[in-house]
N, C-alpha and C. Protein backbone atom coordinates (compact mmCIF):
# COMPACT_ATOMS: atom_id res chain seq x y z
N MET A 1 -5.68 -19.51 -23.30
CA MET A 1 -5.63 -18.33 -22.46
C MET A 1 -6.80 -18.38 -21.48
N ASP A 2 -6.53 -18.11 -20.23
CA ASP A 2 -7.58 -18.05 -19.22
C ASP A 2 -8.41 -16.79 -19.40
N SER A 3 -9.71 -16.91 -19.15
CA SER A 3 -10.57 -15.73 -19.19
C SER A 3 -10.33 -14.90 -17.92
N HIS A 4 -10.80 -13.67 -17.94
CA HIS A 4 -10.68 -12.82 -16.76
C HIS A 4 -11.46 -13.43 -15.59
N VAL A 5 -12.63 -13.99 -15.86
CA VAL A 5 -13.44 -14.60 -14.81
C VAL A 5 -12.69 -15.77 -14.18
N ARG A 6 -12.08 -16.63 -14.99
CA ARG A 6 -11.32 -17.76 -14.46
C ARG A 6 -10.17 -17.27 -13.59
N SER A 7 -9.46 -16.25 -14.04
CA SER A 7 -8.35 -15.70 -13.25
C SER A 7 -8.85 -15.16 -11.91
N ILE A 8 -10.00 -14.51 -11.93
CA ILE A 8 -10.57 -13.96 -10.70
C ILE A 8 -10.97 -15.09 -9.74
N VAL A 9 -11.63 -16.13 -10.24
CA VAL A 9 -12.04 -17.25 -9.39
C VAL A 9 -10.82 -17.96 -8.81
N LYS A 10 -9.79 -18.17 -9.64
CA LYS A 10 -8.57 -18.79 -9.15
C LYS A 10 -7.94 -17.94 -8.04
N ALA A 11 -7.92 -16.64 -8.26
CA ALA A 11 -7.34 -15.74 -7.25
C ALA A 11 -8.14 -15.80 -5.94
N LEU A 12 -9.47 -15.83 -6.04
CA LEU A 12 -10.31 -15.88 -4.84
C LEU A 12 -10.11 -17.17 -4.05
N THR A 13 -10.06 -18.30 -4.73
CA THR A 13 -9.88 -19.56 -4.01
C THR A 13 -8.49 -19.65 -3.40
N TYR A 14 -7.51 -19.18 -4.12
CA TYR A 14 -6.13 -19.19 -3.59
C TYR A 14 -6.02 -18.28 -2.37
N ARG A 15 -6.60 -17.09 -2.46
CA ARG A 15 -6.50 -16.14 -1.36
C ARG A 15 -7.32 -16.59 -0.15
N THR A 16 -8.41 -17.30 -0.36
CA THR A 16 -9.17 -17.81 0.78
C THR A 16 -8.28 -18.72 1.63
N MET A 17 -7.58 -19.59 0.97
CA MET A 17 -6.65 -20.48 1.67
C MET A 17 -5.53 -19.66 2.32
N GLY A 18 -4.96 -18.72 1.59
CA GLY A 18 -3.88 -17.90 2.12
C GLY A 18 -4.31 -17.03 3.29
N THR A 19 -5.54 -16.51 3.22
CA THR A 19 -6.05 -15.68 4.31
C THR A 19 -6.21 -16.50 5.59
N ALA A 20 -6.67 -17.72 5.45
CA ALA A 20 -6.82 -18.59 6.63
C ALA A 20 -5.46 -18.82 7.30
N VAL A 21 -4.44 -19.04 6.50
CA VAL A 21 -3.09 -19.25 7.04
C VAL A 21 -2.58 -17.97 7.69
N THR A 22 -2.74 -16.83 7.02
CA THR A 22 -2.29 -15.55 7.56
C THR A 22 -3.02 -15.24 8.87
N PHE A 23 -4.32 -15.46 8.91
CA PHE A 23 -5.10 -15.23 10.13
C PHE A 23 -4.58 -16.08 11.28
N ALA A 24 -4.34 -17.36 11.00
CA ALA A 24 -3.87 -18.26 12.05
C ALA A 24 -2.50 -17.83 12.59
N VAL A 25 -1.61 -17.44 11.69
CA VAL A 25 -0.28 -16.99 12.13
C VAL A 25 -0.39 -15.69 12.92
N ALA A 26 -1.17 -14.73 12.40
CA ALA A 26 -1.33 -13.44 13.08
C ALA A 26 -1.97 -13.61 14.45
N TRP A 27 -2.94 -14.50 14.57
CA TRP A 27 -3.60 -14.75 15.84
C TRP A 27 -2.63 -15.39 16.83
N THR A 28 -1.83 -16.33 16.33
CA THR A 28 -0.85 -16.99 17.18
C THR A 28 0.19 -15.99 17.70
N VAL A 29 0.66 -15.12 16.83
CA VAL A 29 1.70 -14.16 17.19
C VAL A 29 1.14 -13.05 18.08
N SER A 30 -0.02 -12.50 17.72
CA SER A 30 -0.55 -11.34 18.44
C SER A 30 -1.43 -11.72 19.63
N GLY A 31 -2.06 -12.88 19.56
CA GLY A 31 -2.99 -13.27 20.60
C GLY A 31 -4.31 -12.53 20.53
N SER A 32 -4.52 -11.77 19.47
CA SER A 32 -5.72 -10.94 19.33
C SER A 32 -6.47 -11.32 18.05
N VAL A 33 -7.72 -11.72 18.20
CA VAL A 33 -8.55 -12.05 17.05
C VAL A 33 -8.77 -10.80 16.19
N GLU A 34 -8.99 -9.65 16.83
CA GLU A 34 -9.25 -8.40 16.08
C GLU A 34 -8.04 -8.02 15.22
N LYS A 35 -6.85 -8.08 15.80
CA LYS A 35 -5.65 -7.77 15.02
C LYS A 35 -5.45 -8.78 13.90
N ALA A 36 -5.68 -10.03 14.20
CA ALA A 36 -5.52 -11.08 13.19
C ALA A 36 -6.50 -10.88 12.04
N LEU A 37 -7.74 -10.48 12.34
CA LEU A 37 -8.72 -10.20 11.28
C LEU A 37 -8.27 -9.03 10.41
N GLY A 38 -7.79 -7.98 11.03
CA GLY A 38 -7.31 -6.81 10.28
C GLY A 38 -6.14 -7.16 9.38
N ILE A 39 -5.20 -7.89 9.93
CA ILE A 39 -4.03 -8.30 9.13
C ILE A 39 -4.48 -9.22 8.00
N GLY A 40 -5.36 -10.16 8.29
CA GLY A 40 -5.84 -11.08 7.27
C GLY A 40 -6.57 -10.39 6.14
N LEU A 41 -7.42 -9.40 6.48
CA LEU A 41 -8.17 -8.68 5.45
C LEU A 41 -7.25 -7.81 4.58
N LEU A 42 -6.34 -7.09 5.22
CA LEU A 42 -5.40 -6.27 4.45
C LEU A 42 -4.53 -7.14 3.54
N ASP A 43 -4.04 -8.23 4.07
CA ASP A 43 -3.23 -9.17 3.30
C ASP A 43 -4.00 -9.68 2.08
N THR A 44 -5.28 -9.99 2.28
CA THR A 44 -6.11 -10.50 1.19
C THR A 44 -6.28 -9.49 0.07
N VAL A 45 -6.60 -8.27 0.43
CA VAL A 45 -6.83 -7.23 -0.58
C VAL A 45 -5.57 -6.99 -1.41
N VAL A 46 -4.45 -6.84 -0.74
CA VAL A 46 -3.19 -6.56 -1.43
C VAL A 46 -2.78 -7.74 -2.32
N LYS A 47 -2.83 -8.94 -1.77
CA LYS A 47 -2.36 -10.10 -2.53
C LYS A 47 -3.32 -10.54 -3.62
N LEU A 48 -4.62 -10.26 -3.47
CA LEU A 48 -5.55 -10.57 -4.55
C LEU A 48 -5.20 -9.78 -5.81
N GLY A 49 -4.96 -8.50 -5.62
CA GLY A 49 -4.55 -7.67 -6.76
C GLY A 49 -3.23 -8.11 -7.35
N ALA A 50 -2.28 -8.44 -6.50
CA ALA A 50 -0.96 -8.88 -6.97
C ALA A 50 -1.07 -10.20 -7.74
N TYR A 51 -1.86 -11.12 -7.23
CA TYR A 51 -2.02 -12.41 -7.90
C TYR A 51 -2.69 -12.26 -9.26
N TYR A 52 -3.75 -11.46 -9.31
CA TYR A 52 -4.45 -11.24 -10.58
C TYR A 52 -3.50 -10.64 -11.62
N GLY A 53 -2.76 -9.63 -11.21
CA GLY A 53 -1.78 -9.03 -12.12
C GLY A 53 -0.73 -10.04 -12.56
N HIS A 54 -0.25 -10.83 -11.65
CA HIS A 54 0.75 -11.86 -11.94
C HIS A 54 0.21 -12.86 -12.97
N GLU A 55 -1.03 -13.30 -12.79
CA GLU A 55 -1.65 -14.23 -13.73
C GLU A 55 -1.77 -13.62 -15.13
N ARG A 56 -2.17 -12.37 -15.19
CA ARG A 56 -2.36 -11.73 -16.50
C ARG A 56 -1.04 -11.51 -17.21
N VAL A 57 0.01 -11.18 -16.47
CA VAL A 57 1.34 -11.02 -17.07
C VAL A 57 1.82 -12.36 -17.61
N TRP A 58 1.72 -13.41 -16.79
CA TRP A 58 2.20 -14.73 -17.21
C TRP A 58 1.39 -15.28 -18.38
N ASP A 59 0.15 -14.85 -18.52
CA ASP A 59 -0.65 -15.29 -19.65
C ASP A 59 -0.08 -14.77 -20.97
N ARG A 60 0.69 -13.70 -20.91
CA ARG A 60 1.30 -13.11 -22.12
C ARG A 60 2.70 -13.66 -22.39
N ILE A 61 3.24 -14.46 -21.49
CA ILE A 61 4.59 -15.00 -21.66
C ILE A 61 4.49 -16.38 -22.29
N ALA A 62 5.25 -16.61 -23.34
CA ALA A 62 5.16 -17.86 -24.09
C ALA A 62 5.89 -19.03 -23.44
N LEU A 63 6.73 -18.78 -22.48
CA LEU A 63 7.54 -19.83 -21.85
C LEU A 63 6.68 -21.01 -21.38
N GLY A 64 6.93 -22.18 -21.95
CA GLY A 64 6.24 -23.40 -21.54
C GLY A 64 4.86 -23.60 -22.13
N LYS A 65 4.38 -22.67 -22.92
CA LYS A 65 3.07 -22.83 -23.55
C LYS A 65 3.23 -23.61 -24.84
N GLU A 66 2.27 -24.48 -25.10
CA GLU A 66 2.27 -25.20 -26.36
C GLU A 66 1.58 -24.34 -27.40
N LYS A 67 2.16 -24.33 -28.59
CA LYS A 67 1.57 -23.54 -29.66
C LYS A 67 0.35 -24.25 -30.22
N LYS A 68 -0.66 -23.47 -30.59
CA LYS A 68 -1.83 -24.03 -31.23
C LYS A 68 -1.47 -24.46 -32.64
N PRO A 69 -1.97 -25.60 -33.06
CA PRO A 69 -1.67 -26.04 -34.43
C PRO A 69 -2.34 -25.11 -35.45
N GLU A 70 -1.66 -24.89 -36.55
CA GLU A 70 -2.22 -24.06 -37.61
C GLU A 70 -2.89 -24.98 -38.62
N TYR A 71 -4.13 -24.66 -38.94
CA TYR A 71 -4.87 -25.47 -39.88
C TYR A 71 -5.06 -24.70 -41.18
N TYR A 72 -4.89 -25.41 -42.27
CA TYR A 72 -5.08 -24.81 -43.56
C TYR A 72 -6.27 -25.48 -44.23
N ILE A 73 -7.15 -24.66 -44.79
CA ILE A 73 -8.34 -25.21 -45.45
C ILE A 73 -8.15 -25.14 -46.94
């Protein structure tokens, strides 16, 4: 199971990359750096929360997880 800190760091690195892409698209479409920054920041805040929640939900789903071996002493 991933720790909360690991999930947060993964979300931050993923969103950094995503924000750069969103900024570039918004700047290309709008032609305005200010609008692109606003869109990029809003997108980051919303998707960071969504990604973190998504990670925590999937951490509780057993699909594809290997079971830990049970040891008897």
